[in-house]
PDB file of N, CA and C in Angstrom:
ATOM      1  N   UNK A   1     117.304 104.356  81.002  1.00  0.00           N
ATOM      2  CA  UNK A   1     116.544 102.811  81.276  1.00  0.00           C
ATOM      3  C   UNK A   1     115.687 102.649  82.095  1.00  0.00           C
ATOM      4  N   UNK A   2     114.718 101.988  82.279  1.00  0.00           N
ATOM      5  CA  UNK A   2     113.466 102.245  83.365  1.00  0.00           C
ATOM      6  C   UNK A   2     114.154 101.217  84.053  1.00  0.00           C
ATOM      7  N   UNK A   3     114.146 101.383  85.412  1.00  0.00           N
ATOM      8  CA  UNK A   3     114.090 100.658  86.788  1.00  0.00           C
ATOM      9  C   UNK A   3     113.114  99.582  86.813  1.00  0.00           C
ATOM     10  N   UNK A   4     113.534  98.135  86.813  1.00  0.00           N
ATOM     11  CA  UNK A   4     111.901  96.870  86.762  1.00  0.00           C
ATOM     12  C   UNK A   4     112.318  96.890  88.462  1.00  0.00           C
ATOM     13  N   UNK A   5     110.601  96.821  88.954  1.00  0.00           N
ATOM     14  CA  UNK A   5     110.348  95.874  90.554  1.00  0.00           C
ATOM     15  C   UNK A   5     111.117  94.816  90.299  1.00  0.00           C
ATOM     16  N   UNK A   6     111.896  93.999  91.150  1.00  0.00           N
ATOM     17  CA  UNK A   6     112.228  92.777  91.435  1.00  0.00           C
ATOM     18  C   UNK A   6     111.358  91.679  91.898  1.00  0.00           C
ATOM     19  N   UNK A   7     109.970  92.105  92.647  1.00  0.00           N
ATOM     20  CA  UNK A   7     109.021  91.337  92.934  1.00  0.00           C
ATOM     21  C   UNK A   7     108.366  90.939  91.917  1.00  0.00           C
ATOM     22  N   UNK A   8     107.485  91.729  91.420  1.00  0.00           N
ATOM     23  CA  UNK A   8     106.390  91.897  90.677  1.00  0.00           C
ATOM     24  C   UNK A   8     106.863  92.175  89.053  1.00  0.00           C
ATOM     25  N   UNK A   9     107.939  92.246  88.663  1.00  0.00           N
ATOM     26  CA  UNK A   9     108.229  92.640  87.456  1.00  0.00           C
ATOM     27  C   UNK A   9     107.468  93.931  86.571  1.00  0.00           C
ATOM     28  N   UNK A  10     107.108  94.329  87.114  1.00  0.00           N
ATOM     29  CA  UNK A  10     106.970  95.917  86.216  1.00  0.00           C
ATOM     30  C   UNK A  10     107.539  96.844  86.514  1.00  0.00           C
ATOM     31  N   UNK A  11     107.759  98.113  85.757  1.00  0.00           N
ATOM     32  CA  UNK A  11     108.579  99.236  85.941  1.00  0.00           C
ATOM     33  C   UNK A  11     107.865  99.963  87.499  1.00  0.00           C
ATOM     34  N   UNK A  12     109.180 100.582  87.465  1.00  0.00           N
ATOM     35  CA  UNK A  12     108.430 101.204  89.119  1.00  0.00           C
ATOM     36  C   UNK A  12     107.913 102.443  89.190  1.00  0.00           C
ATOM     37  N   UNK A  13     107.756 102.615  87.874  1.00  0.00           N
ATOM     38  CA  UNK A  13     106.297 104.123  88.207  1.00  0.00           C
ATOM     39  C   UNK A  13     105.152 103.114  87.839  1.00  0.00           C
ATOM     40  N   UNK A  14     104.965 102.252  88.034  1.00  0.00           N
ATOM     41  CA  UNK A  14     104.012 100.986  87.682  1.00  0.00           C
ATOM     42  C   UNK A  14     103.861 100.289  88.739  1.00  0.00           C
ATOM     43  N   UNK A  15     104.761  99.931  89.690  1.00  0.00           N
ATOM     44  CA  UNK A  15     104.622  99.045  90.952  1.00  0.00           C
ATOM     45  C   UNK A  15     103.722  99.016  91.334  1.00  0.00           C
ATOM     46  N   UNK A  16     102.910  98.022  91.801  1.00  0.00           N
ATOM     47  CA  UNK A  16     101.960  98.042  92.781  1.00  0.00           C
ATOM     48  C   UNK A  16     101.960  96.853  94.059  1.00  0.00           C
ATOM     49  N   UNK A  17     103.374  96.519  94.354  1.00  0.00           N
ATOM     50  CA  UNK A  17     103.844  95.721  95.682  1.00  0.00           C
ATOM     51  C   UNK A  17     103.359  96.418  96.704  1.00  0.00           C
ATOM     52  N   UNK A  18     103.457  97.707  96.894  1.00  0.00           N
ATOM     53  CA  UNK A  18     103.142  98.687  98.180  1.00  0.00           C
ATOM     54  C   UNK A  18     101.786  98.374  98.288  1.00  0.00           C
ATOM     55  N   UNK A  19     101.280  98.758  97.529  1.00  0.00           N
ATOM     56  CA  UNK A  19      99.541  98.772  97.474  1.00  0.00           C
ATOM     57  C   UNK A  19      98.864  97.130  97.972  1.00  0.00           C
ATOM     58  N   UNK A  20      99.813  96.640  97.405  1.00  0.00           N
ATOM     59  CA  UNK A  20      99.443  95.036  97.720  1.00  0.00           C
ATOM     60  C   UNK A  20      99.846  94.788  99.179  1.00  0.00           C
ATOM     61  N   UNK A  21     100.939  95.193  99.697  1.00  0.00           N
ATOM     62  CA  UNK A  21     101.546  94.627 101.195  1.00  0.00           C
ATOM     63  C   UNK A  21     100.675  95.811 102.236  1.00  0.00           C
ATOM     64  N   UNK A  22      99.813  96.613 101.505  1.00  0.00           N
ATOM     65  CA  UNK A  22      99.155  97.529 102.677  1.00  0.00           C
ATOM     66  C   UNK A  22      97.863  96.894 102.831  1.00  0.00           C
ATOM     67  N   UNK A  23      97.662  96.216 101.782  1.00  0.00           N
ATOM     68  CA  UNK A  23      96.091  95.376 102.216  1.00  0.00           C
ATOM     69  C   UNK A  23      96.375  94.076 103.149  1.00  0.00           C
ATOM     70  N   UNK A  24      97.671  93.471 103.077  1.00  0.00           N
ATOM     71  CA  UNK A  24      97.680  92.512 104.062  1.00  0.00           C
ATOM     72  C   UNK A  24      98.537  92.592 105.857  1.00  0.00           C
ATOM     73  N   UNK A  25      98.743  93.752 105.803  1.00  0.00           N
ATOM     74  CA  UNK A  25      99.160  94.526 107.275  1.00  0.00           C
ATOM     75  C   UNK A  25      98.109  93.921 108.406  1.00  0.00           C
ATOM     76  N   UNK A  26      98.462  93.761 109.127  1.00  0.00           N
ATOM     77  CA  UNK A  26      97.656  93.870 110.681  1.00  0.00           C
ATOM     78  C   UNK A  26      98.620  94.764 111.712  1.00  0.00           C
ATOM     79  N   UNK A  27      97.500  95.938 111.806  1.00  0.00           N
ATOM     80  CA  UNK A  27      97.934  97.304 112.364  1.00  0.00           C
ATOM     81  C   UNK A  27      97.609  97.045 113.452  1.00  0.00           C
ATOM     82  N   UNK A  28      98.147  98.020 114.426  1.00  0.00           N
ATOM     83  CA  UNK A  28      97.705  97.981 116.011  1.00  0.00           C
ATOM     84  C   UNK A  28      97.909  99.201 116.295  1.00  0.00           C
ATOM     85  N   UNK A  29      97.304 100.056 116.909  1.00  0.00           N
ATOM     86  CA  UNK A  29      97.134 101.369 117.140  1.00  0.00           C
ATOM     87  C   UNK A  29      97.037 101.561 118.566  1.00  0.00           C
ATOM     88  N   UNK A  30      97.944 102.481 119.340  1.00  0.00           N
ATOM     89  CA  UNK A  30      97.810 102.310 121.268  1.00  0.00           C
ATOM     90  C   UNK A  30      98.684 103.197 121.399  1.00  0.00           C
ATOM     91  N   UNK A  31      98.224 103.621 122.764  1.00  0.00           N
ATOM     92  CA  UNK A  31      98.920 104.827 123.350  1.00  0.00           C
ATOM     93  C   UNK A  31      99.952 104.284 124.278  1.00  0.00           C
ATOM     94  N   UNK A  32     100.408 105.030 124.518  1.00  0.00           N
ATOM     95  CA  UNK A  32     102.013 104.610 125.195  1.00  0.00           C
ATOM     96  C   UNK A  32     102.280 105.935 126.790  1.00  0.00           C
ATOM     97  N   UNK A  33     102.536 105.848 127.769  1.00  0.00           N
ATOM     98  CA  UNK A  33     103.075 107.027 128.402  1.00  0.00           C
ATOM     99  C   UNK A  33     104.425 106.662 128.449  1.00  0.00           C
ATOM    100  N   UNK A  34     104.997 108.017 128.302  1.00  0.00           N
ATOM    101  CA  UNK A  34     106.650 108.127 128.532  1.00  0.00           C
ATOM    102  C   UNK A  34     107.134 108.874 129.441  1.00  0.00           C
ATOM    103  N   UNK A  35     108.605 109.390 129.393  1.00  0.00           N
ATOM    104  CA  UNK A  35     108.657 110.357 130.957  1.00  0.00           C
ATOM    105  C   UNK A  35     108.313 111.129 130.421  1.00  0.00           C
ATOM    106  N   UNK A  36     107.650 111.903 132.325  1.00  0.00           N
ATOM    107  CA  UNK A  36     106.452 113.119 132.448  1.00  0.00           C
ATOM    108  C   UNK A  36     105.702 112.695 132.334  1.00  0.00           C
ATOM    109  N   UNK A  37     104.690 111.905 131.944  1.00  0.00           N
ATOM    110  CA  UNK A  37     103.846 111.329 131.507  1.00  0.00           C
ATOM    111  C   UNK A  37     102.829 111.994 129.980  1.00  0.00           C
ATOM    112  N   UNK A  38     104.161 111.978 129.384  1.00  0.00           N
ATOM    113  CA  UNK A  38     103.518 112.562 128.045  1.00  0.00           C
ATOM    114  C   UNK A  38     103.083 111.399 127.433  1.00  0.00           C
ATOM    115  N   UNK A  39     102.050 111.409 126.387  1.00  0.00           N
ATOM    116  CA  UNK A  39     101.577 110.449 125.827  1.00  0.00           C
ATOM    117  C   UNK A  39     102.352 110.260 124.358  1.00  0.00           C
ATOM    118  N   UNK A  40     102.138 109.034 123.611  1.00  0.00           N
ATOM    119  CA  UNK A  40     102.741 109.115 122.373  1.00  0.00           C
ATOM    120  C   UNK A  40     101.621 108.071 121.290  1.00  0.00           C
ATOM    121  N   UNK A  41     101.259 108.285 120.437  1.00  0.00           N
ATOM    122  CA  UNK A  41     100.352 107.256 119.894  1.00  0.00           C
ATOM    123  C   UNK A  41     101.468 105.937 119.275  1.00  0.00           C
ATOM    124  N   UNK A  42     101.766 104.965 119.066  1.00  0.00           N
ATOM    125  CA  UNK A  42     102.497 103.936 118.523  1.00  0.00           C
ATOM    126  C   UNK A  42     101.513 103.568 117.414  1.00  0.00           C
ATOM    127  N   UNK A  43     101.901 102.679 116.179  1.00  0.00           N
ATOM    128  CA  UNK A  43     101.193 102.427 115.451  1.00  0.00           C
ATOM    129  C   UNK A  43     102.648 100.794 114.817  1.00  0.00           C
ATOM    130  N   UNK A  44     101.731  99.931 115.070  1.00  0.00           N
ATOM    131  CA  UNK A  44     102.694  98.931 115.240  1.00  0.00           C
ATOM    132  C   UNK A  44     102.304  97.917 113.716  1.00  0.00           C
ATOM    133  N   UNK A  45     103.118  96.804 113.505  1.00  0.00           N
ATOM    134  CA  UNK A  45     102.629  95.676 112.786  1.00  0.00           C
ATOM    135  C   UNK A  45     102.757  95.998 111.355  1.00  0.00           C
ATOM    136  N   UNK A  46     103.391  96.852 111.237  1.00  0.00           N
ATOM    137  CA  UNK A  46     103.973  97.452 109.801  1.00  0.00           C
ATOM    138  C   UNK A  46     105.439  96.725 109.382  1.00  0.00           C
ATOM    139  N   UNK A  47     105.224  96.008 107.847  1.00  0.00           N
ATOM    140  CA  UNK A  47     106.386  95.116 107.591  1.00  0.00           C
ATOM    141  C   UNK A  47     107.179  96.239 106.992  1.00  0.00           C
ATOM    142  N   UNK A  48     108.240  96.515 107.882  1.00  0.00           N
ATOM    143  CA  UNK A  48     109.266  97.430 107.130  1.00  0.00           C
ATOM    144  C   UNK A  48     109.829  97.434 105.770  1.00  0.00           C
ATOM    145  N   UNK A  49     109.766  95.936 105.258  1.00  0.00           N
ATOM    146  CA  UNK A  49     110.276  95.414 104.334  1.00  0.00           C
ATOM    147  C   UNK A  49     109.430  95.845 102.962  1.00  0.00           C
ATOM    148  N   UNK A  50     108.194  95.979 103.814  1.00  0.00           N
ATOM    149  CA  UNK A  50     107.236  96.122 102.127  1.00  0.00           C
ATOM    150  C   UNK A  50     106.541  97.451 102.287  1.00  0.00           C
ATOM    151  N   UNK A  51     107.153  98.185 103.444  1.00  0.00           N
ATOM    152  CA  UNK A  51     106.124  99.563 103.853  1.00  0.00           C
ATOM    153  C   UNK A  51     107.148 100.365 103.986  1.00  0.00           C
ATOM    154  N   UNK A  52     107.465 101.512 103.535  1.00  0.00           N
ATOM    155  CA  UNK A  52     108.488 102.863 103.483  1.00  0.00           C
ATOM    156  C   UNK A  52     107.955 103.779 104.980  1.00  0.00           C
ATOM    157  N   UNK A  53     108.385 102.787 105.757  1.00  0.00           N
ATOM    158  CA  UNK A  53     108.073 103.225 106.861  1.00  0.00           C
ATOM    159  C   UNK A  53     108.318 105.056 107.267  1.00  0.00           C
ATOM    160  N   UNK A  54     109.241 105.225 106.535  1.00  0.00           N
ATOM    161  CA  UNK A  54     109.854 106.929 106.662  1.00  0.00           C
ATOM    162  C   UNK A  54     109.108 107.755 105.942  1.00  0.00           C
ATOM    163  N   UNK A  55     108.711 107.340 105.201  1.00  0.00           N
ATOM    164  CA  UNK A  55     107.515 108.081 104.103  1.00  0.00           C
ATOM    165  C   UNK A  55     106.463 108.420 104.920  1.00  0.00           C
ATOM    166  N   UNK A  56     105.617 106.987 105.498  1.00  0.00           N
ATOM    167  CA  UNK A  56     104.662 107.152 106.471  1.00  0.00           C
ATOM    168  C   UNK A  56     104.581 107.462 107.472  1.00  0.00           C
ATOM    169  N   UNK A  57     105.638 108.424 108.247  1.00  0.00           N
ATOM    170  CA  UNK A  57     106.119 108.530 109.427  1.00  0.00           C
ATOM    171  C   UNK A  57     105.825 110.372 108.958  1.00  0.00           C
ATOM    172  N   UNK A  58     106.560 110.357 107.954  1.00  0.00           N
ATOM    173  CA  UNK A  58     106.449 111.581 107.332  1.00  0.00           C
ATOM    174  C   UNK A  58     105.234 112.039 107.566  1.00  0.00           C
ATOM    175  N   UNK A  59     104.312 111.465 105.873  1.00  0.00           N
ATOM    176  CA  UNK A  59     102.944 112.108 106.245  1.00  0.00           C
ATOM    177  C   UNK A  59     101.909 112.049 107.276  1.00  0.00           C
ATOM    178  N   UNK A  60     102.347 110.816 108.502  1.00  0.00           N
ATOM    179  CA  UNK A  60     101.685 111.306 109.843  1.00  0.00           C
ATOM    180  C   UNK A  60     101.509 112.411 110.096  1.00  0.00           C
ATOM    181  N   UNK A  61     103.111 112.589 110.115  1.00  0.00           N
ATOM    182  CA  UNK A  61     103.570 113.971 111.113  1.00  0.00           C
ATOM    183  C   UNK A  61     102.946 115.544 110.505  1.00  0.00           C
ATOM    184  N   UNK A  62     103.270 115.000 109.405  1.00  0.00           N
ATOM    185  CA  UNK A  62     102.677 116.380 108.478  1.00  0.00           C
ATOM    186  C   UNK A  62     101.222 116.475 109.059  1.00  0.00           C
ATOM    187  N   UNK A  63     100.339 115.061 108.550  1.00  0.00           N
ATOM    188  CA  UNK A  63      98.756 115.629 108.910  1.00  0.00           C
ATOM    189  C   UNK A  63      97.788 115.640 110.411  1.00  0.00           C
ATOM    190  N   UNK A  64      99.110 115.493 111.569  1.00  0.00           N
ATOM    191  CA  UNK A  64      98.674 115.765 112.557  1.00  0.00           C
ATOM    192  C   UNK A  64      99.427 116.593 112.953  1.00  0.00           C
ATOM    193  N   UNK A  65     100.369 117.335 112.149  1.00  0.00           N
ATOM    194  CA  UNK A  65     101.500 118.917 112.966  1.00  0.00           C
ATOM    195  C   UNK A  65     101.796 118.078 114.440  1.00  0.00           C
ATOM    196  N   UNK A  66     102.788 116.908 114.416  1.00  0.00           N
ATOM    197  CA  UNK A  66     103.202 116.827 115.419  1.00  0.00           C
ATOM    198  C   UNK A  66     104.678 116.111 115.258  1.00  0.00           C
ATOM    199  N   UNK A  67     105.240 115.891 115.783  1.00  0.00           N
ATOM    200  CA  UNK A  67     106.749 115.190 116.169  1.00  0.00           C
ATOM    201  C   UNK A  67     106.638 113.973 116.402  1.00  0.00           C
ATOM    202  N   UNK A  68     107.521 112.709 115.380  1.00  0.00           N
ATOM    203  CA  UNK A  68     107.480 111.291 115.905  1.00  0.00           C
ATOM    204  C   UNK A  68     108.527 110.877 115.098  1.00  0.00           C
ATOM    205  N   UNK A  69     108.445 109.684 115.065  1.00  0.00           N
ATOM    206  CA  UNK A  69     110.055 109.038 114.471  1.00  0.00           C
ATOM    207  C   UNK A  69     109.634 107.217 113.834  1.00  0.00           C
ATOM    208  N   UNK A  70     110.222 106.906 113.221  1.00  0.00           N
ATOM    209  CA  UNK A  70     109.751 105.932 112.452  1.00  0.00           C
ATOM    210  C   UNK A  70     111.009 104.754 112.880  1.00  0.00           C
ATOM    211  N   UNK A  71     110.748 104.142 113.872  1.00  0.00           N
ATOM    212  CA  UNK A  71     111.999 103.362 114.756  1.00  0.00           C
ATOM    213  C   UNK A  71     111.771 101.397 114.433  1.00  0.00           C
ATOM    214  N   UNK A  72     112.646 101.310 113.969  1.00  0.00           N
ATOM    215  CA  UNK A  72     112.357  99.642 113.943  1.00  0.00           C
ATOM    216  C   UNK A  72     111.377  99.375 113.384  1.00  0.00           C
ATOM    217  N   UNK A  73     110.107  98.769 113.813  1.00  0.00           N
ATOM    218  CA  UNK A  73     109.380  97.896 113.190  1.00  0.00           C
ATOM    219  C   UNK A  73     107.824  98.977 113.678  1.00  0.00           C
ATOM    220  N   UNK A  74     108.140  99.721 113.802  1.00  0.00           N
ATOM    221  CA  UNK A  74     106.988 100.782 114.320  1.00  0.00           C
ATOM    222  C   UNK A  74     107.343 102.552 114.232  1.00  0.00           C
ATOM    223  N   UNK A  75     105.830 103.080 114.382  1.00  0.00           N
ATOM    224  CA  UNK A  75     106.171 104.162 114.234  1.00  0.00           C
ATOM    225  C   UNK A  75     105.237 105.266 115.611  1.00  0.00           C
ATOM    226  N   UNK A  76     106.239 106.159 116.388  1.00  0.00           N
ATOM    227  CA  UNK A  76     105.510 106.879 117.114  1.00  0.00           C
ATOM    228  C   UNK A  76     105.694 108.401 116.783  1.00  0.00           C
ATOM    229  N   UNK A  77     104.285 109.005 117.541  1.00  0.00           N
ATOM    230  CA  UNK A  77     103.541 109.684 116.948  1.00  0.00           C
ATOM    231  C   UNK A  77     103.532 110.737 118.542  1.00  0.00           C
ATOM    232  N   UNK A  78     104.082 112.140 118.617  1.00  0.00           N
ATOM    233  CA  UNK A  78     103.688 112.659 119.878  1.00  0.00           C
ATOM    234  C   UNK A  78     102.296 112.978 119.808  1.00  0.00           C
ATOM    235  N   UNK A  79     101.867 112.704 121.163  1.00  0.00           N
ATOM    236  CA  UNK A  79     100.147 113.228 121.267  1.00  0.00           C
ATOM    237  C   UNK A  79      99.401 112.417 121.062  1.00  0.00           C
ATOM    238  N   UNK A  80      97.929 112.129 121.563  1.00  0.00           N
ATOM    239  CA  UNK A  80      96.939 111.502 121.435  1.00  0.00           C
ATOM    240  C   UNK A  80      96.391 110.920 120.004  1.00  0.00           C
ATOM    241  N   UNK A  81      96.573 110.601 119.205  1.00  0.00           N
ATOM    242  CA  UNK A  81      95.890 110.718 118.010  1.00  0.00           C
ATOM    243  C   UNK A  81      95.006 109.601 117.555  1.00  0.00           C
ATOM    244  N   UNK A  82      94.857 108.737 119.060  1.00  0.00           N
ATOM    245  CA  UNK A  82      94.520 107.760 118.500  1.00  0.00           C
ATOM    246  C   UNK A  82      92.853 107.620 117.580  1.00  0.00           C
ATOM    247  N   UNK A  83      92.266 108.172 117.684  1.00  0.00           N
ATOM    248  CA  UNK A  83      90.885 108.350 116.905  1.00  0.00           C
ATOM    249  C   UNK A  83      90.661 108.867 115.398  1.00  0.00           C
ATOM    250  N   UNK A  84      92.039 109.527 115.433  1.00  0.00           N
ATOM    251  CA  UNK A  84      92.168 109.751 113.701  1.00  0.00           C
ATOM    252  C   UNK A  84      92.708 108.855 112.837  1.00  0.00           C
ATOM    253  N   UNK A  85      94.038 108.522 113.402  1.00  0.00           N
ATOM    254  CA  UNK A  85      94.786 107.591 113.239  1.00  0.00           C
ATOM    255  C   UNK A  85      94.250 106.476 111.526  1.00  0.00           C
ATOM    256  N   UNK A  86      92.773 105.497 112.338  1.00  0.00           N
ATOM    257  CA  UNK A  86      92.522 104.654 110.998  1.00  0.00           C
ATOM    258  C   UNK A  86      92.062 105.180 110.385  1.00  0.00           C
ATOM    259  N   UNK A  87      90.928 106.955 109.952  1.00  0.00           N
ATOM    260  CA  UNK A  87      90.461 107.064 108.695  1.00  0.00           C
ATOM    261  C   UNK A  87      91.731 107.685 107.726  1.00  0.00           C
ATOM    262  N   UNK A  88      93.201 107.770 108.801  1.00  0.00           N
ATOM    263  CA  UNK A  88      93.616 108.522 107.381  1.00  0.00           C
ATOM    264  C   UNK A  88      94.615 106.988 106.598  1.00  0.00           C
ATOM    265  N   UNK A  89      94.923 106.287 107.908  1.00  0.00           N
ATOM    266  CA  UNK A  89      95.562 104.816 107.321  1.00  0.00           C
ATOM    267  C   UNK A  89      94.178 104.185 106.312  1.00  0.00           C
ATOM    268  N   UNK A  90      93.398 104.872 106.286  1.00  0.00           N
ATOM    269  CA  UNK A  90      92.527 104.084 105.589  1.00  0.00           C
ATOM    270  C   UNK A  90      92.442 104.657 104.213  1.00  0.00           C
ATOM    271  N   UNK A  91      92.507 106.228 104.160  1.00  0.00           N
ATOM    272  CA  UNK A  91      92.964 107.034 102.834  1.00  0.00           C
ATOM    273  C   UNK A  91      94.099 106.493 102.429  1.00  0.00           C
ATOM    274  N   UNK A  92      95.311 105.810 103.160  1.00  0.00           N
ATOM    275  CA  UNK A  92      96.328 105.622 102.438  1.00  0.00           C
ATOM    276  C   UNK A  92      96.582 104.383 101.597  1.00  0.00           C
ATOM    277  N   UNK A  93      95.655 103.844 102.033  1.00  0.00           N
ATOM    278  CA  UNK A  93      95.067 102.464 101.159  1.00  0.00           C
ATOM    279  C   UNK A  93      95.055 101.237 102.161  1.00  0.00           C
ATOM    280  N   UNK A  94      95.325 101.450 103.339  1.00  0.00           N
ATOM    281  CA  UNK A  94      95.241 100.297 104.088  1.00  0.00           C
ATOM    282  C   UNK A  94      93.824  99.373 104.479  1.00  0.00           C
ATOM    283  N   UNK A  95      93.877  98.349 105.094  1.00  0.00           N
ATOM    284  CA  UNK A  95      92.355  97.845 104.938  1.00  0.00           C
ATOM    285  C   UNK A  95      91.755  98.253 106.412  1.00  0.00           C
ATOM    286  N   UNK A  96      90.663  98.931 106.460  1.00  0.00           N
ATOM    287  CA  UNK A  96      90.185  98.775 107.760  1.00  0.00           C
ATOM    288  C   UNK A  96      90.054  98.013 108.383  1.00  0.00           C
ATOM    289  N   UNK A  97      89.709  97.098 108.333  1.00  0.00           N
ATOM    290  CA  UNK A  97      89.368  95.607 109.171  1.00  0.00           C
ATOM    291  C   UNK A  97      90.913  95.318 109.876  1.00  0.00           C
ATOM    292  N   UNK A  98      91.988  95.527 109.089  1.00  0.00           N
ATOM    293  CA  UNK A  98      92.983  95.033 109.790  1.00  0.00           C
ATOM    294  C   UNK A  98      93.662  95.976 110.753  1.00  0.00           C
ATOM    295  N   UNK A  99      93.059  97.514 110.763  1.00  0.00           N
ATOM    296  CA  UNK A  99      93.479  98.200 111.859  1.00  0.00           C
ATOM    297  C   UNK A  99      92.863  98.010 113.323  1.00  0.00           C
ATOM    298  N   UNK A 100      93.536  97.643 114.443  1.00  0.00           N
ATOM    299  CA  UNK A 100      92.931  97.293 115.512  1.00  0.00           C
ATOM    300  C   UNK A 100      93.541  98.229 116.344  1.00  0.00           C
ATOM    301  N   UNK A 101      92.606  99.224 117.040  1.00  0.00           N
ATOM    302  CA  UNK A 101      92.968 100.298 117.916  1.00  0.00           C
ATOM    303  C   UNK A 101      92.683  99.937 119.116  1.00  0.00           C
ATOM    304  N   UNK A 102      93.510 100.078 120.675  1.00  0.00           N
ATOM    305  CA  UNK A 102      93.668  99.759 121.426  1.00  0.00           C
ATOM    306  C   UNK A 102      93.348 101.164 122.425  1.00  0.00           C
ATOM    307  N   UNK A 103      92.208 101.082 123.141  1.00  0.00           N
ATOM    308  CA  UNK A 103      92.242 102.618 123.981  1.00  0.00           C
ATOM    309  C   UNK A 103      93.004 101.914 125.758  1.00  0.00           C
ATOM    310  N   UNK A 104      93.300 103.067 125.828  1.00  0.00           N
ATOM    311  CA  UNK A 104      93.923 102.999 127.287  1.00  0.00           C
ATOM    312  C   UNK A 104      93.169 102.750 128.070  1.00  0.00           C
ATOM    313  N   UNK A 105      94.153 102.530 129.215  1.00  0.00           N
ATOM    314  CA  UNK A 105      93.734 101.964 130.370  1.00  0.00           C
ATOM    315  C   UNK A 105      94.644 102.411 131.590  1.00  0.00           C
ATOM    316  N   UNK A 106      94.458 104.174 131.724  1.00  0.00           N
ATOM    317  CA  UNK A 106      95.428 104.708 132.222  1.00  0.00           C
ATOM    318  C   UNK A 106      94.592 104.773 133.499  1.00  0.00           C
ATOM    319  N   UNK A 107      95.591 104.902 134.700  1.00  0.00           N
ATOM    320  CA  UNK A 107      94.973 105.058 135.897  1.00  0.00           C
ATOM    321  C   UNK A 107      95.524 106.417 136.588  1.00  0.00           C
ATOM    322  N   UNK A 108      95.286 107.033 137.337  1.00  0.00           N
ATOM    323  CA  UNK A 108      95.110 108.340 138.465  1.00  0.00           C
ATOM    324  C   UNK A 108      96.172 108.335 138.957  1.00  0.00           C
ATOM    325  N   UNK A 109      96.358 106.868 139.650  1.00  0.00           N
ATOM    326  CA  UNK A 109      97.620 106.775 140.644  1.00  0.00           C
ATOM    327  C   UNK A 109      99.052 107.159 139.660  1.00  0.00           C
ATOM    328  N   UNK A 110      99.978 107.822 140.831  1.00  0.00           N
ATOM    329  CA  UNK A 110     101.316 108.073 140.485  1.00  0.00           C
ATOM    330  C   UNK A 110     102.233 106.568 140.353  1.00  0.00           C
ATOM    331  N   UNK A 111     102.495 105.600 139.343  1.00  0.00           N
ATOM    332  CA  UNK A 111     103.808 104.911 139.538  1.00  0.00           C
ATOM    333  C   UNK A 111     105.135 105.053 139.792  1.00  0.00           C
ATOM    334  N   UNK A 112     105.718 104.549 141.000  1.00  0.00           N
ATOM    335  CA  UNK A 112     107.273 104.957 141.276  1.00  0.00           C
ATOM    336  C   UNK A 112     107.991 103.963 141.308  1.00  0.00           C
TER     337      UNK A 112
END
């Protein structure tokens, strides 16, 4: 028996729901600093009901050879991958104009 998608009505192997959802996303990519000054690349704005965050996080970690996780509605990657994320997401089917990259504004002063 072939599974049918409840959204588009096509068989699961022909389902286009995720590719349509990728085109509608408004993605924000930024860098945050965590404990001990470690930098993390954060990808926000993904709809976890339409996009498989665990699968996307797995692909990102393999592509950039880093650790990371999909938490709630965002993905965190260890390290600074700000320059490479937009081209990777574009190859995965996300619209280039929907990806907003926020450059960090770090200061040299230590916060206490």
